[in-house]
Amino acid sequence: MFRRYISKRLLAPRSIKTGVNRYSLALMNMMFLVGFSLLGLPQAKAQELKFSVSLSQWQQGDVSLSDIRPMLVLQDLDVDKAKLSFGLMADRQALGALFKLRSNFSWGPLGNVLVEAEAFANTLAKTDLRLSASGVLASSGALRAEFSLFNVQVGHFDVAQHFVSNVRPHYALNDALAVGLSLGGNYRLSRLLVLEGGARATLLNSYLALDANLALVLRQIIETDDLTLKIKGLLHPVTTESNSDYVDLSYLSLGAEYRLNRRNIPALSVGFYGLINEQGFLPGGSLSLKGSLKEEDYLLAYGLELRAQGHAQYYLLKALASGELSFSEHHHIYLELFALASSYQQEQTLGLSLGYGYRF
């Protein structure tokens, strides 16, 4: 059943529906109308014009496909109290647009509230939109709410989305728009103990998927290092005779992450996880490394992200190496190397992205 789901839903060409196509084009138009209208407002010198090109190679068995994705983005414009970014991107099949906004305001018991919006859309009716708000509750906690609308998997428009905290699960989307709502936050139990958690409900093609996570952070467990204990679960519809296109993607994951916080050395975190689903137990792990090198003539910031995780009947492997070289106040060079692989039918994607940014 799972192999039929993979071949029919994940690997088969998508059909394009006219109604959704019009929705995506309308969203792209709205994103640029808002972006260009804000250009006329007073701005501070913090913006950057960035151009990048991504080359990727997808392969499954003896079948391979290469792609090139240019992208032009005007980002981090200071507009009143907001940060605005928008741009154009393309690949072999579609033209797309992106829009990002960060702003804050004061409101009641939460004090300063941070609002973030991020939208991607292209002419093949692919959409990924997020709107979130977060704020500090009293002096010992914080709250966050997020609304999302999407019909693509995580990382379709931006590979870095694979490595964000509490990334959304892999869903059986079946080309339909999904609507999600998540609530989360953290609470400081003591000076060295912090409780974090959240829950998300996602409506997918008339059925509901639920996922939740809980983490206990033990700060300064050894000198300045932190230890985080994590538990995460997903409740996904199961396969039935009347709806044979769906499979059971439900799971429970337990894990721990150790974060090294020392002066004069790169920030390093290592995690180990165990995933339990209907297939049994699947181990996994993660590694994150971030640091910088500063010399008189340049500044180099670098990072490395590795993920190995079980999913249904197979493994997902993800890797991202990134670097930013700043050799003056205005000129910046960006480099990313990424790899995504699935043990199912030896599917893999390798890619490289090179960019140049001018800040003015």
Protein backbone atom coordinates (compact mmCIF):
# COMPACT_ATOMS: atom_id res chain seq x y z
CA MET A 1 0.00 0.00 0.00
CA PHE A 2 2.78 2.39 0.89
CA ARG A 3 4.60 1.75 -2.41
CA ARG A 4 1.38 2.51 -4.29
CA TYR A 5 1.04 5.76 -2.36
CA ILE A 6 4.61 6.75 -3.21
CA SER A 7 4.31 5.95 -6.90
CA LYS A 8 0.87 7.54 -7.35
CA ARG A 9 1.14 10.57 -5.10
CA LEU A 10 4.72 11.54 -4.41
CA LEU A 11 6.40 10.72 -7.73
CA ALA A 12 3.61 11.04 -10.30
CA PRO A 13 3.21 14.26 -12.32
CA ARG A 14 0.74 16.71 -10.79
CA SER A 15 -2.46 17.81 -12.44
CA ILE A 16 -3.06 21.56 -12.49
CA LYS A 17 -6.44 22.90 -11.47
CA THR A 18 -7.55 26.19 -12.97
CA GLY A 19 -9.11 27.51 -9.77
CA VAL A 20 -5.96 27.00 -7.72
CA ASN A 21 -3.88 28.44 -10.56
CA ARG A 22 -5.88 31.65 -10.43
CA TYR A 23 -5.46 31.73 -6.66
CA SER A 24 -1.66 31.47 -6.95
CA LEU A 25 -1.46 34.18 -9.61
CA ALA A 26 -3.67 36.45 -7.50
CA LEU A 27 -1.41 35.86 -4.50
CA MET A 28 1.70 36.70 -6.54
CA ASN A 29 0.09 39.93 -7.77
CA MET A 30 -0.90 40.92 -4.25
CA MET A 31 2.63 40.24 -2.93
CA PHE A 32 4.21 42.59 -5.48
CA LEU A 33 1.56 45.29 -5.21
CA VAL A 34 2.18 45.47 -1.47
CA GLY A 35 5.97 45.35 -1.94
CA PHE A 36 6.19 48.09 -4.54
CA SER A 37 3.70 50.33 -2.74
CA LEU A 38 5.88 50.22 0.37
CA LEU A 39 8.97 51.28 -1.58
CA GLY A 40 7.72 54.85 -1.55
CA LEU A 41 7.78 55.03 2.27
CA PRO A 42 10.78 56.36 4.24
CA GLN A 43 13.54 53.78 4.57
CA ALA A 44 16.78 53.37 6.47
CA LYS A 45 19.99 52.08 4.91
CA ALA A 46 19.60 48.38 5.72
CA GLN A 47 18.38 46.83 2.49
CA GLU A 48 20.18 44.30 0.31
CA LEU A 49 19.76 43.37 -3.33
CA LYS A 50 20.63 39.70 -3.67
CA PHE A 51 20.95 37.53 -6.77
CA SER A 52 21.53 33.79 -6.57
CA VAL A 53 21.52 30.76 -8.83
CA SER A 54 20.82 27.20 -7.64
CA LEU A 55 21.84 24.10 -9.58
CA SER A 56 20.36 20.75 -8.58
CA GLN A 57 20.33 17.15 -9.77
CA TRP A 58 17.50 14.77 -8.85
CA GLN A 59 17.95 11.05 -9.37
CA GLN A 60 15.92 7.92 -8.75
CA GLY A 61 17.44 4.70 -9.98
CA ASP A 62 18.42 5.25 -13.63
CA VAL A 63 16.19 8.34 -14.02
CA SER A 64 17.73 11.77 -13.43
CA LEU A 65 16.63 15.36 -13.87
CA SER A 66 18.67 18.57 -13.58
CA ASP A 67 17.32 22.02 -12.80
CA ILE A 68 18.53 25.62 -12.53
CA ARG A 69 16.79 28.20 -10.31
CA PRO A 70 17.74 31.89 -10.53
CA MET A 71 16.41 34.21 -7.82
CA LEU A 72 16.43 38.01 -7.39
CA VAL A 73 15.42 39.39 -3.99
CA LEU A 74 15.27 42.85 -2.45
CA GLN A 75 15.41 42.09 1.26
CA ASP A 76 15.44 43.68 4.70
CA LEU A 77 13.97 47.01 3.70
CA ASP A 78 13.26 49.15 6.77
CA VAL A 79 9.74 50.47 6.24
CA ASP A 80 8.54 52.36 9.32
CA LYS A 81 8.70 49.59 12.01
CA ALA A 82 8.71 46.70 9.55
CA LYS A 83 11.29 44.65 7.64
CA LEU A 84 10.19 43.82 4.09
CA SER A 85 11.60 41.40 1.51
CA PHE A 86 10.24 40.40 -1.89
CA GLY A 87 11.56 38.91 -5.09
CA LEU A 88 11.24 36.72 -8.16
CA MET A 89 12.44 33.17 -8.80
CA ALA A 90 12.13 30.62 -11.57
CA ASP A 91 12.87 27.04 -12.50
CA ARG A 92 12.46 24.93 -15.65
CA GLN A 93 8.68 24.80 -15.30
CA ALA A 94 7.43 27.88 -13.46
CA LEU A 95 7.89 31.50 -12.46
CA GLY A 96 7.49 32.27 -8.77
CA ALA A 97 7.47 35.09 -6.27
CA LEU A 98 8.23 35.50 -2.58
CA PHE A 99 7.18 38.01 0.05
CA LYS A 100 8.37 38.33 3.67
CA LEU A 101 7.42 40.82 6.38
CA ARG A 102 8.50 41.32 10.00
CA SER A 103 6.93 43.91 12.25
CA ASN A 104 6.18 44.51 15.93
CA PHE A 105 3.73 46.47 18.05
CA SER A 106 2.64 46.76 21.68
CA TRP A 107 -0.47 44.94 22.85
CA GLY A 108 -1.91 44.35 26.32
CA PRO A 109 -0.45 41.58 28.51
CA LEU A 110 1.98 40.40 25.81
CA GLY A 111 3.76 43.74 25.61
CA ASN A 112 5.83 43.72 22.43
CA VAL A 113 4.30 41.44 19.77
CA LEU A 114 6.35 40.26 16.79
CA VAL A 115 4.37 39.59 13.60
CA GLU A 116 5.93 37.63 10.71
CA ALA A 117 4.50 36.81 7.28
CA GLU A 118 6.09 34.65 4.59
CA ALA A 119 4.53 33.72 1.24
CA PHE A 120 5.78 31.74 -1.76
CA ALA A 121 3.77 31.07 -4.92
CA ASN A 122 4.39 30.08 -8.52
CA THR A 123 2.52 29.76 -11.80
CA LEU A 124 2.07 25.98 -11.34
CA ALA A 125 -0.37 26.65 -8.49
CA LYS A 126 2.19 25.81 -5.79
CA THR A 127 1.76 27.89 -2.61
CA ASP A 128 3.32 28.07 0.86
CA LEU A 129 2.08 30.84 3.16
CA ARG A 130 2.69 31.44 6.87
CA LEU A 131 1.50 34.16 9.23
CA SER A 132 2.63 34.14 12.86
CA ALA A 133 2.54 36.29 15.98
CA SER A 134 4.62 35.87 19.14
CA GLY A 135 5.05 37.77 22.38
CA VAL A 136 6.38 37.57 25.93
CA LEU A 137 3.90 36.66 28.67
CA ALA A 138 4.80 38.40 31.93
CA SER A 139 8.49 37.74 32.66
CA SER A 140 8.61 33.95 32.69
CA GLY A 141 7.06 32.79 29.44
CA ALA A 142 6.22 33.41 25.79
CA LEU A 143 3.37 32.55 23.42
CA ARG A 144 3.31 31.97 19.66
CA ALA A 145 0.49 31.38 17.17
CA GLU A 146 0.80 30.55 13.47
CA PHE A 147 -1.59 30.20 10.54
CA SER A 148 -0.43 28.37 7.40
CA LEU A 149 -1.80 27.63 3.94
CA PHE A 150 0.12 25.31 1.60
CA ASN A 151 -0.03 22.57 -1.03
CA VAL A 152 3.68 21.63 -1.10
CA GLN A 153 5.97 19.78 1.25
CA VAL A 154 8.48 21.57 3.46
CA GLY A 155 11.51 22.80 1.50
CA HIS A 156 9.81 23.00 -1.91
CA PHE A 157 10.73 26.70 -2.27
CA ASP A 158 13.56 27.00 0.27
CA VAL A 159 15.83 24.10 1.26
CA ALA A 160 16.67 25.80 4.59
CA GLN A 161 13.09 25.18 5.78
CA HIS A 162 14.05 21.54 6.38
CA PHE A 163 16.21 22.63 9.32
CA VAL A 164 14.02 25.13 11.21
CA SER A 165 12.82 24.34 14.72
CA ASN A 166 9.62 22.27 14.94
CA VAL A 167 9.33 21.95 11.15
CA ARG A 168 5.91 20.74 10.02
CA PRO A 169 5.58 17.00 9.28
CA HIS A 170 5.39 15.31 5.89
CA TYR A 171 1.72 15.10 4.89
CA ALA A 172 -0.25 13.24 2.20
CA LEU A 173 -1.34 16.42 0.40
CA ASN A 174 -2.76 14.97 -2.83
CA ASP A 175 -2.48 18.37 -4.58
CA ALA A 176 -5.09 19.93 -2.26
CA LEU A 177 -4.60 23.11 -0.25
CA ALA A 178 -3.96 22.42 3.44
CA VAL A 179 -4.84 24.83 6.25
CA GLY A 180 -2.93 24.72 9.53
CA LEU A 181 -3.14 26.44 12.91
CA SER A 182 -0.51 26.03 15.62
CA LEU A 183 -0.18 27.32 19.18
CA GLY A 184 2.95 27.09 21.29
CA GLY A 185 5.21 28.76 23.78
CA ASN A 186 7.63 28.32 26.63
CA TYR A 187 7.58 28.77 30.39
CA ARG A 188 10.54 29.26 32.71
CA LEU A 189 10.13 26.83 35.61
CA SER A 190 13.27 28.10 37.30
CA ARG A 191 16.49 29.85 36.42
CA LEU A 192 17.87 26.67 34.85
CA LEU A 193 14.71 24.85 33.72
CA VAL A 194 12.56 25.86 30.72
CA LEU A 195 9.49 24.01 29.44
CA GLU A 196 8.68 24.38 25.71
CA GLY A 197 5.76 22.97 23.77
CA GLY A 198 3.24 23.38 21.02
CA ALA A 199 0.39 21.76 19.09
CA ARG A 200 -0.73 22.03 15.49
CA ALA A 201 -3.97 21.08 13.72
CA THR A 202 -3.89 20.76 9.93
CA LEU A 203 -6.94 20.31 7.71
CA LEU A 204 -5.93 18.21 4.70
CA ASN A 205 -8.49 17.44 2.00
CA SER A 206 -11.44 17.26 4.47
CA TYR A 207 -9.61 15.32 7.21
CA LEU A 208 -7.62 16.48 10.22
CA ALA A 209 -4.00 15.74 11.19
CA LEU A 210 -2.70 16.62 14.65
CA ASP A 211 0.87 16.91 15.90
CA ALA A 212 2.35 18.09 19.20
CA ASN A 213 5.77 18.52 20.78
CA LEU A 214 7.11 19.01 24.29
CA ALA A 215 10.68 19.78 25.41
CA LEU A 216 12.41 20.28 28.73
CA VAL A 217 15.57 22.43 28.55
CA LEU A 218 18.17 21.92 31.29
CA ARG A 219 20.40 24.97 31.12
CA GLN A 220 24.05 24.94 32.20
CA ILE A 221 23.96 21.24 32.92
CA ILE A 222 27.73 21.17 32.40
CA GLU A 223 29.33 24.62 32.72
CA THR A 224 27.43 26.69 30.07
CA ASP A 225 26.13 23.73 28.02
CA ASP A 226 22.41 22.89 27.68
CA LEU A 227 20.59 19.56 27.45
CA THR A 228 17.12 19.32 25.88
CA LEU A 229 14.81 16.32 26.29
CA LYS A 230 12.18 16.09 23.55
CA ILE A 231 8.98 14.21 22.76
CA LYS A 232 6.97 14.67 19.57
CA GLY A 233 4.00 12.93 18.01
CA LEU A 234 1.90 12.99 14.86
CA LEU A 235 -1.64 11.63 14.50
CA HIS A 236 -2.37 11.03 10.81
CA PRO A 237 -5.35 9.22 9.19
CA VAL A 238 -4.77 5.52 8.61
CA THR A 239 -5.31 3.41 5.53
CA THR A 240 -8.89 2.17 5.08
CA GLU A 241 -10.61 0.15 2.39
CA SER A 242 -12.82 3.13 1.48
CA ASN A 243 -9.85 5.52 1.21
CA SER A 244 -6.93 3.44 -0.01
CA ASP A 245 -4.87 6.43 -1.18
CA TYR A 246 -3.87 7.34 2.38
CA VAL A 247 -1.37 5.59 4.59
CA ASP A 248 -0.71 5.77 8.30
CA LEU A 249 2.04 8.34 8.85
CA SER A 250 1.44 8.54 12.62
CA TYR A 251 4.47 8.29 14.90
CA LEU A 252 5.90 9.02 18.34
CA SER A 253 9.44 10.38 18.64
CA LEU A 254 11.65 10.59 21.74
CA GLY A 255 15.05 12.24 21.83
CA ALA A 256 17.71 14.36 23.47
CA GLU A 257 19.93 17.18 22.20
CA TYR A 258 23.15 18.45 23.76
CA ARG A 259 24.18 22.03 22.92
CA LEU A 260 27.77 23.18 23.42
CA ASN A 261 27.89 26.87 24.44
CA ARG A 262 31.51 27.84 24.96
CA ARG A 263 33.40 31.03 24.24
CA ASN A 264 35.76 31.26 21.28
CA ILE A 265 34.57 27.99 19.71
CA PRO A 266 31.75 27.31 17.21
CA ALA A 267 28.26 26.60 18.55
CA LEU A 268 27.67 22.84 18.31
CA SER A 269 24.61 20.70 19.03
CA VAL A 270 24.20 16.94 18.69
CA GLY A 271 20.91 15.09 18.94
CA PHE A 272 19.76 11.47 19.07
CA TYR A 273 16.18 10.39 18.43
CA GLY A 274 14.06 7.28 18.29
CA LEU A 275 10.89 7.14 16.19
CA ILE A 276 8.15 4.60 16.86
CA ASN A 277 5.44 3.89 14.28
CA GLU A 278 3.48 0.93 12.90
CA GLN A 279 6.68 -0.39 11.30
CA GLY A 280 8.57 -0.52 14.61
CA PHE A 281 11.53 1.50 15.92
CA LEU A 282 13.68 3.75 13.70
CA PRO A 283 16.73 5.55 15.18
CA GLY A 284 17.82 9.00 13.99
CA GLY A 285 20.13 11.88 14.78
CA SER A 286 21.10 15.46 14.09
CA LEU A 287 24.15 17.71 14.09
CA SER A 288 24.32 21.50 13.89
CA LEU A 289 27.48 23.62 13.70
CA LYS A 290 27.66 27.42 13.44
CA GLY A 291 30.64 29.72 13.68
CA SER A 292 32.56 32.61 12.16
CA LEU A 293 36.08 33.65 11.22
CA LYS A 294 36.96 37.33 11.43
CA GLU A 295 40.03 38.88 9.88
CA GLU A 296 40.98 42.46 9.12
CA ASP A 297 39.71 42.33 5.53
CA TYR A 298 36.78 39.92 5.72
CA LEU A 299 34.24 38.09 7.87
CA LEU A 300 33.25 34.49 7.13
CA ALA A 301 30.12 33.03 8.75
CA TYR A 302 29.56 29.29 8.22
CA GLY A 303 27.12 26.59 9.20
CA LEU A 304 26.50 22.88 8.84
CA GLU A 305 23.19 21.03 9.37
CA LEU A 306 22.75 17.25 9.22
CA ARG A 307 19.56 15.25 9.80
CA ALA A 308 18.86 11.51 9.67
CA GLN A 309 15.30 10.54 10.52
CA GLY A 310 12.89 7.69 10.04
CA HIS A 311 9.66 8.26 8.15
CA ALA A 312 7.01 5.60 7.52
CA GLN A 313 8.97 2.69 5.92
CA TYR A 314 12.14 4.52 4.94
CA TYR A 315 14.85 7.00 5.99
CA LEU A 316 15.23 10.64 5.10
CA LEU A 317 18.75 12.11 5.07
CA LYS A 318 19.24 15.88 4.87
CA ALA A 319 22.42 17.98 4.76
CA LEU A 320 23.06 21.71 4.32
CA ALA A 321 26.43 23.48 4.37
CA SER A 322 26.33 27.27 4.11
CA GLY A 323 28.75 30.18 4.14
CA GLU A 324 28.60 33.97 3.91
CA LEU A 325 31.73 35.96 3.05
CA SER A 326 31.65 39.71 3.78
CA PHE A 327 34.68 41.53 2.45
CA SER A 328 33.35 45.09 2.79
CA GLU A 329 30.36 46.93 4.17
CA HIS A 330 28.51 46.50 0.88
CA HIS A 331 29.66 43.26 -0.79
CA HIS A 332 28.62 39.76 0.35
CA ILE A 333 28.98 36.33 -1.26
CA TYR A 334 26.74 33.39 -0.31
CA LEU A 335 27.33 29.68 -0.88
CA GLU A 336 25.11 26.69 -0.05
CA LEU A 337 25.61 22.99 -0.67
CA PHE A 338 22.66 20.71 0.04
CA ALA A 339 21.73 17.06 -0.22
CA LEU A 340 18.41 15.29 0.32
CA ALA A 341 18.13 11.52 0.12
CA SER A 342 15.53 8.84 0.75
CA SER A 343 16.30 5.17 1.18
CA TYR A 344 13.10 4.38 -0.71
CA GLN A 345 14.08 3.49 -4.31
CA GLN A 346 17.42 5.35 -3.87
CA GLU A 347 15.89 8.80 -4.47
CA GLN A 348 18.30 11.72 -3.96
CA THR A 349 18.80 15.39 -4.73
CA LEU A 350 22.14 17.21 -4.77
CA GLY A 351 22.43 20.95 -5.20
CA LEU A 352 24.61 24.05 -5.07
CA SER A 353 23.57 27.67 -4.67
CA LEU A 354 25.82 30.68 -5.25
CA GLY A 355 24.73 34.25 -4.59
CA TYR A 356 25.93 37.83 -4.43
CA GLY A 357 24.42 40.56 -2.29
CA TYR A 358 24.92 44.31 -2.33
CA ARG A 359 23.87 46.23 0.81
CA PHE A 360 23.09 49.92 0.55
